[in-house]
Amino acid sequence: MRRGFHALATRKPWLLAFLFGLLHGLGFAGALAEVGLPQGDIPLALLLFNLGVELGQLLFVFGALLLVALTKRLVARDLSQWSYVPAYGIGAIGMFWSLQRAAGILT
């Protein structure tokens, strides 16, 4: 919260996650249809894809937490000034991929 302003992500994070997931799922379903996957196989493919994504996310979070724990043990000084670096890094990579895909669509 900044100066009395509540962002949508702060007020309703579930809505933002739902909309992002819906957009991502619709895009993937469209890609499956374009590949020529039979209509009857699309629900199973989406389910298995989503399970794979969730498992990958859990493994990534576990690895990140393990890295943070190891860093805290090895480095004794205060690292709070670096707390925004991962968020900006992830945002920069996401923006790069978005622009890269947009450029591919436009060409």
PDB file of N, CA and C in Angstrom:
ATOM      1  N   MET A   1       0.855  -1.179   0.000  1.00  0.00           N
ATOM      2  CA  MET A   1       0.000   0.000   0.000  1.00  0.00           C
ATOM      3  C   MET A   1       0.892   1.231   0.000  1.00  0.00           C
ATOM      4  N   ARG A   2       0.575   2.158  -0.906  1.00  0.00           N
ATOM      5  CA  ARG A   2       1.348   3.375  -1.016  1.00  0.00           C
ATOM      6  C   ARG A   2       0.393   4.555  -1.017  1.00  0.00           C
ATOM      7  N   ARG A   3       0.496   5.388   0.009  1.00  0.00           N
ATOM      8  CA  ARG A   3      -0.321   6.595   0.125  1.00  0.00           C
ATOM      9  C   ARG A   3      -1.815   6.313  -0.018  1.00  0.00           C
ATOM     10  N   GLY A   4      -2.289   5.267   0.618  1.00  0.00           N
ATOM     11  CA  GLY A   4      -3.711   4.954   0.606  1.00  0.00           C
ATOM     12  C   GLY A   4      -4.182   4.256  -0.652  1.00  0.00           C
ATOM     13  N   PHE A   5      -3.280   3.931  -1.572  1.00  0.00           N
ATOM     14  CA  PHE A   5      -3.646   3.287  -2.828  1.00  0.00           C
ATOM     15  C   PHE A   5      -3.499   1.775  -2.676  1.00  0.00           C
ATOM     16  N   HIS A   6      -4.555   1.059  -2.953  1.00  0.00           N
ATOM     17  CA  HIS A   6      -4.528  -0.400  -2.907  1.00  0.00           C
ATOM     18  C   HIS A   6      -4.584  -0.931  -4.333  1.00  0.00           C
ATOM     19  N   ALA A   7      -3.527  -1.585  -4.770  1.00  0.00           N
ATOM     20  CA  ALA A   7      -3.476  -2.137  -6.122  1.00  0.00           C
ATOM     21  C   ALA A   7      -4.380  -3.360  -6.210  1.00  0.00           C
ATOM     22  N   LEU A   8      -4.771  -3.691  -7.430  1.00  0.00           N
ATOM     23  CA  LEU A   8      -5.617  -4.857  -7.655  1.00  0.00           C
ATOM     24  C   LEU A   8      -4.939  -6.125  -7.141  1.00  0.00           C
ATOM     25  N   ALA A   9      -3.635  -6.229  -7.364  1.00  0.00           N
ATOM     26  CA  ALA A   9      -2.897  -7.407  -6.906  1.00  0.00           C
ATOM     27  C   ALA A   9      -2.888  -7.516  -5.386  1.00  0.00           C
ATOM     28  N   THR A  10      -3.006  -6.400  -4.684  1.00  0.00           N
ATOM     29  CA  THR A  10      -3.044  -6.407  -3.227  1.00  0.00           C
ATOM     30  C   THR A  10      -4.441  -6.729  -2.719  1.00  0.00           C
ATOM     31  N   ARG A  11      -5.435  -6.155  -3.378  1.00  0.00           N
ATOM     32  CA  ARG A  11      -6.815  -6.353  -2.931  1.00  0.00           C
ATOM     33  C   ARG A  11      -7.352  -7.734  -3.299  1.00  0.00           C
ATOM     34  N   LYS A  12      -7.113  -8.174  -4.517  1.00  0.00           N
ATOM     35  CA  LYS A  12      -7.669  -9.444  -4.999  1.00  0.00           C
ATOM     36  C   LYS A  12      -6.610 -10.232  -5.769  1.00  0.00           C
ATOM     37  N   PRO A  13      -5.624 -10.793  -5.081  1.00  0.00           N
ATOM     38  CA  PRO A  13      -4.581 -11.525  -5.804  1.00  0.00           C
ATOM     39  C   PRO A  13      -5.122 -12.765  -6.511  1.00  0.00           C
ATOM     40  N   TRP A  14      -6.167 -13.368  -5.972  1.00  0.00           N
ATOM     41  CA  TRP A  14      -6.750 -14.552  -6.598  1.00  0.00           C
ATOM     42  C   TRP A  14      -7.328 -14.218  -7.963  1.00  0.00           C
ATOM     43  N   LEU A  15      -7.894 -13.021  -8.123  1.00  0.00           N
ATOM     44  CA  LEU A  15      -8.472 -12.618  -9.402  1.00  0.00           C
ATOM     45  C   LEU A  15      -7.381 -12.456 -10.450  1.00  0.00           C
ATOM     46  N   LEU A  16      -6.292 -11.842 -10.066  1.00  0.00           N
ATOM     47  CA  LEU A  16      -5.178 -11.656 -10.981  1.00  0.00           C
ATOM     48  C   LEU A  16      -4.594 -13.012 -11.392  1.00  0.00           C
ATOM     49  N   ALA A  17      -4.438 -13.918 -10.435  1.00  0.00           N
ATOM     50  CA  ALA A  17      -3.921 -15.253 -10.743  1.00  0.00           C
ATOM     51  C   ALA A  17      -4.887 -16.016 -11.649  1.00  0.00           C
ATOM     52  N   PHE A  18      -6.182 -15.896 -11.388  1.00  0.00           N
ATOM     53  CA  PHE A  18      -7.185 -16.563 -12.209  1.00  0.00           C
ATOM     54  C   PHE A  18      -7.145 -16.062 -13.647  1.00  0.00           C
ATOM     55  N   LEU A  19      -7.099 -14.750 -13.827  1.00  0.00           N
ATOM     56  CA  LEU A  19      -7.095 -14.173 -15.171  1.00  0.00           C
ATOM     57  C   LEU A  19      -5.820 -14.540 -15.929  1.00  0.00           C
ATOM     58  N   PHE A  20      -4.695 -14.508 -15.243  1.00  0.00           N
ATOM     59  CA  PHE A  20      -3.437 -14.902 -15.882  1.00  0.00           C
ATOM     60  C   PHE A  20      -3.479 -16.372 -16.284  1.00  0.00           C
ATOM     61  N   GLY A  21      -3.953 -17.222 -15.387  1.00  0.00           N
ATOM     62  CA  GLY A  21      -4.051 -18.651 -15.691  1.00  0.00           C
ATOM     63  C   GLY A  21      -5.019 -18.938 -16.825  1.00  0.00           C
ATOM     64  N   LEU A  22      -6.145 -18.222 -16.842  1.00  0.00           N
ATOM     65  CA  LEU A  22      -7.124 -18.406 -17.911  1.00  0.00           C
ATOM     66  C   LEU A  22      -6.535 -18.005 -19.257  1.00  0.00           C
ATOM     67  N   LEU A  23      -5.871 -16.878 -19.307  1.00  0.00           N
ATOM     68  CA  LEU A  23      -5.253 -16.420 -20.550  1.00  0.00           C
ATOM     69  C   LEU A  23      -4.186 -17.414 -21.014  1.00  0.00           C
ATOM     70  N   HIS A  24      -3.376 -17.869 -20.098  1.00  0.00           N
ATOM     71  CA  HIS A  24      -2.319 -18.825 -20.428  1.00  0.00           C
ATOM     72  C   HIS A  24      -2.923 -20.147 -20.902  1.00  0.00           C
ATOM     73  N   GLY A  25      -3.939 -20.624 -20.216  1.00  0.00           N
ATOM     74  CA  GLY A  25      -4.583 -21.882 -20.597  1.00  0.00           C
ATOM     75  C   GLY A  25      -5.259 -21.807 -21.956  1.00  0.00           C
ATOM     76  N   LEU A  26      -5.915 -20.688 -22.244  1.00  0.00           N
ATOM     77  CA  LEU A  26      -6.557 -20.534 -23.545  1.00  0.00           C
ATOM     78  C   LEU A  26      -5.519 -20.504 -24.663  1.00  0.00           C
ATOM     79  N   GLY A  27      -4.416 -19.853 -24.409  1.00  0.00           N
ATOM     80  CA  GLY A  27      -3.344 -19.828 -25.407  1.00  0.00           C
ATOM     81  C   GLY A  27      -2.775 -21.209 -25.655  1.00  0.00           C
ATOM     82  N   PHE A  28      -2.585 -21.974 -24.601  1.00  0.00           N
ATOM     83  CA  PHE A  28      -2.048 -23.321 -24.756  1.00  0.00           C
ATOM     84  C   PHE A  28      -3.053 -24.229 -25.452  1.00  0.00           C
ATOM     85  N   ALA A  29      -4.325 -24.109 -25.099  1.00  0.00           N
ATOM     86  CA  ALA A  29      -5.359 -24.923 -25.754  1.00  0.00           C
ATOM     87  C   ALA A  29      -5.424 -24.593 -27.242  1.00  0.00           C
ATOM     88  N   GLY A  30      -5.287 -23.319 -27.585  1.00  0.00           N
ATOM     89  CA  GLY A  30      -5.268 -22.935 -28.996  1.00  0.00           C
ATOM     90  C   GLY A  30      -4.072 -23.531 -29.726  1.00  0.00           C
ATOM     91  N   ALA A  31      -2.922 -23.545 -29.051  1.00  0.00           N
ATOM     92  CA  ALA A  31      -1.723 -24.131 -29.650  1.00  0.00           C
ATOM     93  C   ALA A  31      -1.904 -25.632 -29.863  1.00  0.00           C
ATOM     94  N   LEU A  32      -2.532 -26.308 -28.904  1.00  0.00           N
ATOM     95  CA  LEU A  32      -2.787 -27.743 -29.065  1.00  0.00           C
ATOM     96  C   LEU A  32      -3.718 -28.014 -30.241  1.00  0.00           C
ATOM     97  N   ALA A  33      -4.728 -27.162 -30.404  1.00  0.00           N
ATOM     98  CA  ALA A  33      -5.659 -27.338 -31.520  1.00  0.00           C
ATOM     99  C   ALA A  33      -4.950 -27.112 -32.856  1.00  0.00           C
ATOM    100  N   GLU A  34      -4.031 -26.135 -32.906  1.00  0.00           N
ATOM    101  CA  GLU A  34      -3.293 -25.855 -34.134  1.00  0.00           C
ATOM    102  C   GLU A  34      -2.343 -26.981 -34.502  1.00  0.00           C
ATOM    103  N   VAL A  35      -1.802 -27.657 -33.502  1.00  0.00           N
ATOM    104  CA  VAL A  35      -0.871 -28.753 -33.747  1.00  0.00           C
ATOM    105  C   VAL A  35      -1.594 -29.926 -34.398  1.00  0.00           C
ATOM    106  N   GLY A  36      -2.880 -30.016 -34.192  1.00  0.00           N
ATOM    107  CA  GLY A  36      -3.650 -31.099 -34.783  1.00  0.00           C
ATOM    108  C   GLY A  36      -3.996 -32.199 -33.800  1.00  0.00           C
ATOM    109  N   LEU A  37      -3.903 -31.913 -32.529  1.00  0.00           N
ATOM    110  CA  LEU A  37      -4.279 -32.880 -31.506  1.00  0.00           C
ATOM    111  C   LEU A  37      -5.780 -33.113 -31.582  1.00  0.00           C
ATOM    112  N   PRO A  38      -6.224 -34.357 -31.586  1.00  0.00           N
ATOM    113  CA  PRO A  38      -7.672 -34.619 -31.644  1.00  0.00           C
ATOM    114  C   PRO A  38      -8.407 -33.977 -30.466  1.00  0.00           C
ATOM    115  N   GLN A  39      -9.620 -33.503 -30.704  1.00  0.00           N
ATOM    116  CA  GLN A  39     -10.410 -32.807 -29.684  1.00  0.00           C
ATOM    117  C   GLN A  39     -10.551 -33.636 -28.406  1.00  0.00           C
ATOM    118  N   GLY A  40     -10.690 -34.941 -28.531  1.00  0.00           N
ATOM    119  CA  GLY A  40     -10.866 -35.799 -27.360  1.00  0.00           C
ATOM    120  C   GLY A  40      -9.626 -35.898 -26.486  1.00  0.00           C
ATOM    121  N   ASP A  41      -8.464 -35.608 -27.046  1.00  0.00           N
ATOM    122  CA  ASP A  41      -7.208 -35.709 -26.295  1.00  0.00           C
ATOM    123  C   ASP A  41      -6.801 -34.393 -25.637  1.00  0.00           C
ATOM    124  N   ILE A  42      -7.451 -33.298 -25.998  1.00  0.00           N
ATOM    125  CA  ILE A  42      -7.067 -31.986 -25.463  1.00  0.00           C
ATOM    126  C   ILE A  42      -7.255 -31.895 -23.947  1.00  0.00           C
ATOM    127  N   PRO A  43      -8.382 -32.358 -23.360  1.00  0.00           N
ATOM    128  CA  PRO A  43      -8.504 -32.248 -21.890  1.00  0.00           C
ATOM    129  C   PRO A  43      -7.398 -32.988 -21.130  1.00  0.00           C
ATOM    130  N   LEU A  44      -7.055 -34.189 -21.574  1.00  0.00           N
ATOM    131  CA  LEU A  44      -5.991 -34.938 -20.903  1.00  0.00           C
ATOM    132  C   LEU A  44      -4.644 -34.239 -21.077  1.00  0.00           C
ATOM    133  N   ALA A  45      -4.397 -33.723 -22.280  1.00  0.00           N
ATOM    134  CA  ALA A  45      -3.140 -33.009 -22.524  1.00  0.00           C
ATOM    135  C   ALA A  45      -3.047 -31.765 -21.639  1.00  0.00           C
ATOM    136  N   LEU A  46      -4.140 -31.027 -21.503  1.00  0.00           N
ATOM    137  CA  LEU A  46      -4.137 -29.838 -20.640  1.00  0.00           C
ATOM    138  C   LEU A  46      -3.920 -30.215 -19.182  1.00  0.00           C
ATOM    139  N   LEU A  47      -4.573 -31.294 -18.729  1.00  0.00           N
ATOM    140  CA  LEU A  47      -4.411 -31.734 -17.347  1.00  0.00           C
ATOM    141  C   LEU A  47      -2.956 -32.112 -17.070  1.00  0.00           C
ATOM    142  N   LEU A  48      -2.385 -32.928 -17.940  1.00  0.00           N
ATOM    143  CA  LEU A  48      -1.009 -33.360 -17.727  1.00  0.00           C
ATOM    144  C   LEU A  48      -0.029 -32.191 -17.847  1.00  0.00           C
ATOM    145  N   PHE A  49      -0.304 -31.271 -18.762  1.00  0.00           N
ATOM    146  CA  PHE A  49       0.543 -30.086 -18.874  1.00  0.00           C
ATOM    147  C   PHE A  49       0.493 -29.281 -17.580  1.00  0.00           C
ATOM    148  N   ASN A  50      -0.710 -29.054 -17.062  1.00  0.00           N
ATOM    149  CA  ASN A  50      -0.850 -28.269 -15.832  1.00  0.00           C
ATOM    150  C   ASN A  50      -0.197 -28.958 -14.644  1.00  0.00           C
ATOM    151  N   LEU A  51      -0.337 -30.278 -14.559  1.00  0.00           N
ATOM    152  CA  LEU A  51       0.335 -31.003 -13.477  1.00  0.00           C
ATOM    153  C   LEU A  51       1.853 -30.867 -13.595  1.00  0.00           C
ATOM    154  N   GLY A  52       2.364 -30.924 -14.816  1.00  0.00           N
ATOM    155  CA  GLY A  52       3.795 -30.747 -15.031  1.00  0.00           C
ATOM    156  C   GLY A  52       4.259 -29.347 -14.654  1.00  0.00           C
ATOM    157  N   VAL A  53       3.452 -28.357 -15.002  1.00  0.00           N
ATOM    158  CA  VAL A  53       3.788 -26.973 -14.649  1.00  0.00           C
ATOM    159  C   VAL A  53       3.806 -26.809 -13.139  1.00  0.00           C
ATOM    160  N   GLU A  54       2.803 -27.337 -12.460  1.00  0.00           N
ATOM    161  CA  GLU A  54       2.748 -27.217 -10.997  1.00  0.00           C
ATOM    162  C   GLU A  54       3.929 -27.915 -10.341  1.00  0.00           C
ATOM    163  N   LEU A  55       4.266 -29.099 -10.823  1.00  0.00           N
ATOM    164  CA  LEU A  55       5.416 -29.812 -10.270  1.00  0.00           C
ATOM    165  C   LEU A  55       6.702 -29.025 -10.509  1.00  0.00           C
ATOM    166  N   GLY A  56       6.841 -28.468 -11.702  1.00  0.00           N
ATOM    167  CA  GLY A  56       8.010 -27.652 -12.005  1.00  0.00           C
ATOM    168  C   GLY A  56       8.101 -26.429 -11.106  1.00  0.00           C
ATOM    169  N   GLN A  57       6.960 -25.805 -10.839  1.00  0.00           N
ATOM    170  CA  GLN A  57       6.950 -24.640  -9.955  1.00  0.00           C
ATOM    171  C   GLN A  57       7.343 -25.026  -8.534  1.00  0.00           C
ATOM    172  N   LEU A  58       6.837 -26.143  -8.054  1.00  0.00           N
ATOM    173  CA  LEU A  58       7.199 -26.596  -6.708  1.00  0.00           C
ATOM    174  C   LEU A  58       8.689 -26.891  -6.615  1.00  0.00           C
ATOM    175  N   LEU A  59       9.240 -27.545  -7.636  1.00  0.00           N
ATOM    176  CA  LEU A  59      10.671 -27.827  -7.628  1.00  0.00           C
ATOM    177  C   LEU A  59      11.492 -26.544  -7.687  1.00  0.00           C
ATOM    178  N   PHE A  60      11.036 -25.567  -8.464  1.00  0.00           N
ATOM    179  CA  PHE A  60      11.744 -24.294  -8.545  1.00  0.00           C
ATOM    180  C   PHE A  60      11.725 -23.569  -7.202  1.00  0.00           C
ATOM    181  N   VAL A  61      10.552 -23.526  -6.566  1.00  0.00           N
ATOM    182  CA  VAL A  61      10.438 -22.852  -5.265  1.00  0.00           C
ATOM    183  C   VAL A  61      11.302 -23.561  -4.228  1.00  0.00           C
ATOM    184  N   PHE A  62      11.284 -24.886  -4.244  1.00  0.00           N
ATOM    185  CA  PHE A  62      12.119 -25.645  -3.315  1.00  0.00           C
ATOM    186  C   PHE A  62      13.595 -25.311  -3.534  1.00  0.00           C
ATOM    187  N   GLY A  63      14.016 -25.273  -4.798  1.00  0.00           N
ATOM    188  CA  GLY A  63      15.404 -24.934  -5.108  1.00  0.00           C
ATOM    189  C   GLY A  63      15.754 -23.515  -4.688  1.00  0.00           C
ATOM    190  N   ALA A  64      14.826 -22.582  -4.910  1.00  0.00           N
ATOM    191  CA  ALA A  64      15.067 -21.188  -4.524  1.00  0.00           C
ATOM    192  C   ALA A  64      15.174 -21.065  -3.010  1.00  0.00           C
ATOM    193  N   LEU A  65      14.292 -21.740  -2.279  1.00  0.00           N
ATOM    194  CA  LEU A  65      14.360 -21.697  -0.816  1.00  0.00           C
ATOM    195  C   LEU A  65      15.642 -22.333  -0.298  1.00  0.00           C
ATOM    196  N   LEU A  66      16.057 -23.403  -0.950  1.00  0.00           N
ATOM    197  CA  LEU A  66      17.311 -24.052  -0.566  1.00  0.00           C
ATOM    198  C   LEU A  66      18.493 -23.109  -0.814  1.00  0.00           C
ATOM    199  N   LEU A  67      18.476 -22.415  -1.944  1.00  0.00           N
ATOM    200  CA  LEU A  67      19.534 -21.455  -2.252  1.00  0.00           C
ATOM    201  C   LEU A  67      19.558 -20.310  -1.253  1.00  0.00           C
ATOM    202  N   VAL A  68      18.396 -19.809  -0.866  1.00  0.00           N
ATOM    203  CA  VAL A  68      18.317 -18.733   0.123  1.00  0.00           C
ATOM    204  C   VAL A  68      18.859 -19.215   1.471  1.00  0.00           C
ATOM    205  N   ALA A  69      18.469 -20.428   1.872  1.00  0.00           N
ATOM    206  CA  ALA A  69      18.944 -20.960   3.152  1.00  0.00           C
ATOM    207  C   ALA A  69      20.466 -21.123   3.146  1.00  0.00           C
ATOM    208  N   LEU A  70      21.000 -21.634   2.039  1.00  0.00           N
ATOM    209  CA  LEU A  70      22.455 -21.793   1.954  1.00  0.00           C
ATOM    210  C   LEU A  70      23.161 -20.448   1.948  1.00  0.00           C
ATOM    211  N   THR A  71      22.596 -19.481   1.254  1.00  0.00           N
ATOM    212  CA  THR A  71      23.195 -18.141   1.214  1.00  0.00           C
ATOM    213  C   THR A  71      23.206 -17.517   2.599  1.00  0.00           C
ATOM    214  N   LYS A  72      22.115 -17.672   3.342  1.00  0.00           N
ATOM    215  CA  LYS A  72      22.058 -17.108   4.694  1.00  0.00           C
ATOM    216  C   LYS A  72      23.095 -17.747   5.600  1.00  0.00           C
ATOM    217  N   ARG A  73      23.356 -19.015   5.406  1.00  0.00           N
ATOM    218  CA  ARG A  73      24.358 -19.679   6.241  1.00  0.00           C
ATOM    219  C   ARG A  73      25.771 -19.249   5.875  1.00  0.00           C
ATOM    220  N   LEU A  74      26.007 -19.031   4.577  1.00  0.00           N
ATOM    221  CA  LEU A  74      27.352 -18.693   4.134  1.00  0.00           C
ATOM    222  C   LEU A  74      27.688 -17.214   4.295  1.00  0.00           C
ATOM    223  N   VAL A  75      26.675 -16.368   4.170  1.00  0.00           N
ATOM    224  CA  VAL A  75      26.899 -14.920   4.238  1.00  0.00           C
ATOM    225  C   VAL A  75      26.286 -14.410   5.533  1.00  0.00           C
ATOM    226  N   ALA A  76      27.119 -13.818   6.376  1.00  0.00           N
ATOM    227  CA  ALA A  76      26.647 -13.393   7.693  1.00  0.00           C
ATOM    228  C   ALA A  76      26.126 -11.962   7.703  1.00  0.00           C
ATOM    229  N   ARG A  77      26.313 -11.206   6.643  1.00  0.00           N
ATOM    230  CA  ARG A  77      25.891  -9.807   6.673  1.00  0.00           C
ATOM    231  C   ARG A  77      24.455  -9.633   6.180  1.00  0.00           C
ATOM    232  N   ASP A  78      23.926  -8.441   6.382  1.00  0.00           N
ATOM    233  CA  ASP A  78      22.544  -8.123   6.025  1.00  0.00           C
ATOM    234  C   ASP A  78      22.410  -7.968   4.509  1.00  0.00           C
ATOM    235  N   LEU A  79      21.504  -8.737   3.910  1.00  0.00           N
ATOM    236  CA  LEU A  79      21.291  -8.684   2.462  1.00  0.00           C
ATOM    237  C   LEU A  79      19.949  -8.067   2.097  1.00  0.00           C
ATOM    238  N   SER A  80      19.325  -7.355   3.024  1.00  0.00           N
ATOM    239  CA  SER A  80      17.988  -6.819   2.764  1.00  0.00           C
ATOM    240  C   SER A  80      17.970  -5.800   1.631  1.00  0.00           C
ATOM    241  N   GLN A  81      19.094  -5.144   1.369  1.00  0.00           N
ATOM    242  CA  GLN A  81      19.124  -4.167   0.290  1.00  0.00           C
ATOM    243  C   GLN A  81      19.018  -4.828  -1.081  1.00  0.00           C
ATOM    244  N   TRP A  82      19.238  -6.132  -1.147  1.00  0.00           N
ATOM    245  CA  TRP A  82      19.172  -6.874  -2.404  1.00  0.00           C
ATOM    246  C   TRP A  82      17.832  -7.575  -2.596  1.00  0.00           C
ATOM    247  N   SER A  83      16.862  -7.304  -1.736  1.00  0.00           N
ATOM    248  CA  SER A  83      15.607  -8.056  -1.779  1.00  0.00           C
ATOM    249  C   SER A  83      14.790  -7.812  -3.045  1.00  0.00           C
ATOM    250  N   TYR A  84      14.993  -6.674  -3.721  1.00  0.00           N
ATOM    251  CA  TYR A  84      14.226  -6.380  -4.928  1.00  0.00           C
ATOM    252  C   TYR A  84      14.862  -6.931  -6.202  1.00  0.00           C
ATOM    253  N   VAL A  85      16.109  -7.353  -6.131  1.00  0.00           N
ATOM    254  CA  VAL A  85      16.824  -7.811  -7.318  1.00  0.00           C
ATOM    255  C   VAL A  85      16.125  -8.997  -7.988  1.00  0.00           C
ATOM    256  N   PRO A  86      15.713 -10.044  -7.263  1.00  0.00           N
ATOM    257  CA  PRO A  86      15.041 -11.155  -7.952  1.00  0.00           C
ATOM    258  C   PRO A  86      13.753 -10.728  -8.661  1.00  0.00           C
ATOM    259  N   ALA A  87      12.968  -9.866  -8.037  1.00  0.00           N
ATOM    260  CA  ALA A  87      11.717  -9.433  -8.664  1.00  0.00           C
ATOM    261  C   ALA A  87      11.990  -8.669  -9.953  1.00  0.00           C
ATOM    262  N   TYR A  88      12.972  -7.772  -9.939  1.00  0.00           N
ATOM    263  CA  TYR A  88      13.309  -7.031 -11.153  1.00  0.00           C
ATOM    264  C   TYR A  88      13.904  -7.959 -12.212  1.00  0.00           C
ATOM    265  N   GLY A  89      14.680  -8.927 -11.791  1.00  0.00           N
ATOM    266  CA  GLY A  89      15.242  -9.887 -12.744  1.00  0.00           C
ATOM    267  C   GLY A  89      14.161 -10.712 -13.421  1.00  0.00           C
ATOM    268  N   ILE A  90      13.225 -11.216 -12.630  1.00  0.00           N
ATOM    269  CA  ILE A  90      12.121 -12.002 -13.190  1.00  0.00           C
ATOM    270  C   ILE A  90      11.269 -11.131 -14.106  1.00  0.00           C
ATOM    271  N   GLY A  91      11.007  -9.901 -13.686  1.00  0.00           N
ATOM    272  CA  GLY A  91      10.226  -8.980 -14.519  1.00  0.00           C
ATOM    273  C   GLY A  91      10.923  -8.672 -15.838  1.00  0.00           C
ATOM    274  N   ALA A  92      12.238  -8.480 -15.795  1.00  0.00           N
ATOM    275  CA  ALA A  92      12.994  -8.178 -17.013  1.00  0.00           C
ATOM    276  C   ALA A  92      12.976  -9.363 -17.973  1.00  0.00           C
ATOM    277  N   ILE A  93      13.159 -10.559 -17.452  1.00  0.00           N
ATOM    278  CA  ILE A  93      13.119 -11.754 -18.301  1.00  0.00           C
ATOM    279  C   ILE A  93      11.726 -11.932 -18.898  1.00  0.00           C
ATOM    280  N   GLY A  94      10.697 -11.742 -18.085  1.00  0.00           N
ATOM    281  CA  GLY A  94       9.323 -11.854 -18.585  1.00  0.00           C
ATOM    282  C   GLY A  94       9.025 -10.824 -19.661  1.00  0.00           C
ATOM    283  N   MET A  95       9.484  -9.604 -19.477  1.00  0.00           N
ATOM    284  CA  MET A  95       9.266  -8.561 -20.488  1.00  0.00           C
ATOM    285  C   MET A  95      10.019  -8.897 -21.767  1.00  0.00           C
ATOM    286  N   PHE A  96      11.244  -9.395 -21.628  1.00  0.00           N
ATOM    287  CA  PHE A  96      12.015  -9.798 -22.804  1.00  0.00           C
ATOM    288  C   PHE A  96      11.280 -10.873 -23.591  1.00  0.00           C
ATOM    289  N   TRP A  97      10.795 -11.908 -22.898  1.00  0.00           N
ATOM    290  CA  TRP A  97      10.066 -12.975 -23.586  1.00  0.00           C
ATOM    291  C   TRP A  97       8.781 -12.458 -24.224  1.00  0.00           C
ATOM    292  N   SER A  98       8.086 -11.552 -23.534  1.00  0.00           N
ATOM    293  CA  SER A  98       6.853 -10.984 -24.096  1.00  0.00           C
ATOM    294  C   SER A  98       7.148 -10.208 -25.373  1.00  0.00           C
ATOM    295  N   LEU A  99       8.178  -9.370 -25.344  1.00  0.00           N
ATOM    296  CA  LEU A  99       8.541  -8.600 -26.536  1.00  0.00           C
ATOM    297  C   LEU A  99       9.032  -9.512 -27.655  1.00  0.00           C
ATOM    298  N   GLN A 100       9.755 -10.549 -27.292  1.00  0.00           N
ATOM    299  CA  GLN A 100      10.247 -11.500 -28.280  1.00  0.00           C
ATOM    300  C   GLN A 100       9.080 -12.213 -28.975  1.00  0.00           C
ATOM    301  N   ARG A 101       8.081 -12.620 -28.198  1.00  0.00           N
ATOM    302  CA  ARG A 101       6.912 -13.288 -28.791  1.00  0.00           C
ATOM    303  C   ARG A 101       6.095 -12.313 -29.620  1.00  0.00           C
ATOM    304  N   ALA A 102       5.946 -11.078 -29.119  1.00  0.00           N
ATOM    305  CA  ALA A 102       5.197 -10.083 -29.874  1.00  0.00           C
ATOM    306  C   ALA A 102       5.879  -9.787 -31.210  1.00  0.00           C
ATOM    307  N   ALA A 103       7.197  -9.716 -31.204  1.00  0.00           N
ATOM    308  CA  ALA A 103       7.935  -9.466 -32.455  1.00  0.00           C
ATOM    309  C   ALA A 103       7.752 -10.636 -33.416  1.00  0.00           C
ATOM    310  N   GLY A 104       7.686 -11.844 -32.883  1.00  0.00           N
ATOM    311  CA  GLY A 104       7.475 -13.017 -33.734  1.00  0.00           C
ATOM    312  C   GLY A 104       6.087 -13.050 -34.342  1.00  0.00           C
ATOM    313  N   ILE A 105       5.113 -12.547 -33.613  1.00  0.00           N
ATOM    314  CA  ILE A 105       3.748 -12.511 -34.110  1.00  0.00           C
ATOM    315  C   ILE A 105       3.608 -11.464 -35.213  1.00  0.00           C
ATOM    316  N   LEU A 106       4.315 -10.346 -35.046  1.00  0.00           N
ATOM    317  CA  LEU A 106       4.199  -9.233 -35.992  1.00  0.00           C
ATOM    318  C   LEU A 106       4.943  -9.486 -37.299  1.00  0.00           C
ATOM    319  N   THR A 107       5.906 -10.404 -37.292  1.00  0.00           N
ATOM    320  CA  THR A 107       6.680 -10.635 -38.519  1.00  0.00           C
ATOM    321  C   THR A 107       6.098 -11.728 -39.362  1.00  0.00           C
TER     322      THR A 107
END
